[in-house]
């Protein structure tokens, strides 16, 4: 889909914790000491209803995580 919808969704605490854990693992693996080196994430809704959260990390490539429909909703 390609449209960034992150500003219009709410994530469950579980989904937020999973994304933070993934970022911490990448920071440790790539020896990144400053979390501001990780660019802001974006999100898009997949055809099957999952939410794809992603960002492009320079020198690493794309980081992504899929969030099941029950773990996110629209911020009305």
Protein backbone atom coordinates (compact mmCIF):
# COMPACT_ATOMS: atom_id res chain seq x y z
CA UNK A 1 0.00 0.00 0.00
CA UNK A 2 2.84 2.38 0.79
CA UNK A 3 0.93 5.14 2.61
CA UNK A 4 2.29 6.06 6.04
CA UNK A 5 -0.62 5.77 8.50
CA UNK A 6 1.31 5.70 11.79
CA UNK A 7 -0.14 9.03 12.94
CA UNK A 8 -3.67 7.62 12.62
CA UNK A 9 -3.32 4.31 14.46
CA UNK A 10 -3.19 3.17 18.06
CA UNK A 11 -0.96 0.26 18.98
CA UNK A 12 -1.48 -2.13 21.85
CA UNK A 13 1.09 -2.00 24.65
CA UNK A 14 2.25 -5.43 23.47
CA UNK A 15 2.93 -4.15 19.93
CA UNK A 16 4.80 -1.11 21.26
CA UNK A 17 6.91 -3.34 23.51
CA UNK A 18 7.71 -5.67 20.60
CA UNK A 19 8.83 -2.77 18.39
CA UNK A 20 10.96 -1.30 21.19
CA UNK A 21 12.54 -4.70 21.83
CA UNK A 22 13.34 -5.10 18.14
CA UNK A 23 14.97 -1.65 18.05
CA UNK A 24 16.99 -2.41 21.18
CA UNK A 25 18.24 -5.68 19.65
CA UNK A 26 19.29 -3.86 16.49
CA UNK A 27 21.03 -1.15 18.50
CA UNK A 28 22.94 -3.81 20.42
CA UNK A 29 23.81 -5.83 17.30
CA UNK A 30 24.94 -2.78 15.34
CA UNK A 31 26.57 -1.11 18.34
CA UNK A 32 24.37 1.97 18.07
CA UNK A 33 24.58 3.95 21.29
CA UNK A 34 22.23 6.79 20.37
CA UNK A 35 18.57 5.79 19.80
CA UNK A 36 18.14 8.96 17.71
CA UNK A 37 20.22 7.23 15.02
CA UNK A 38 17.17 5.07 14.35
CA UNK A 39 14.88 7.09 12.06
CA UNK A 40 11.20 7.56 12.77
CA UNK A 41 9.17 4.53 11.89
CA UNK A 42 6.34 4.46 9.38
CA UNK A 43 3.36 2.14 9.06
CA UNK A 44 1.12 0.79 6.35
CA UNK A 45 -1.95 -1.42 6.41
CA UNK A 46 -1.51 -4.71 4.59
CA UNK A 47 -4.24 -6.32 2.47
CA UNK A 48 -4.80 -8.96 5.18
CA UNK A 49 -5.44 -6.33 7.90
CA UNK A 50 -2.07 -6.51 9.59
CA UNK A 51 -0.09 -3.33 10.18
CA UNK A 52 3.47 -3.21 8.89
CA UNK A 53 5.77 -0.97 10.93
CA UNK A 54 9.09 -0.20 9.28
CA UNK A 55 12.03 2.16 8.97
CA UNK A 56 15.16 2.32 6.87
CA UNK A 57 18.23 2.10 9.09
CA UNK A 58 21.33 3.49 7.34
CA UNK A 59 24.03 0.86 7.07
CA UNK A 60 21.63 -1.90 8.06
CA UNK A 61 18.69 -1.87 5.68
CA UNK A 62 15.00 -1.98 6.27
CA UNK A 63 13.68 -2.99 9.67
CA UNK A 64 10.09 -4.20 9.78
CA UNK A 65 7.56 -5.77 12.07
CA UNK A 66 4.03 -6.97 11.39
CA UNK A 67 1.28 -6.26 13.92
CA UNK A 68 -1.81 -8.48 13.94
CA UNK A 69 -5.17 -6.74 13.51
CA UNK A 70 -6.14 -7.41 17.15
CA UNK A 71 -3.03 -5.46 18.29
CA UNK A 72 -3.83 -2.17 16.56
CA UNK A 73 -6.77 0.09 15.67
CA UNK A 74 -7.65 3.42 14.11
CA UNK A 75 -7.30 6.54 16.25
CA UNK A 76 -10.68 8.20 15.67
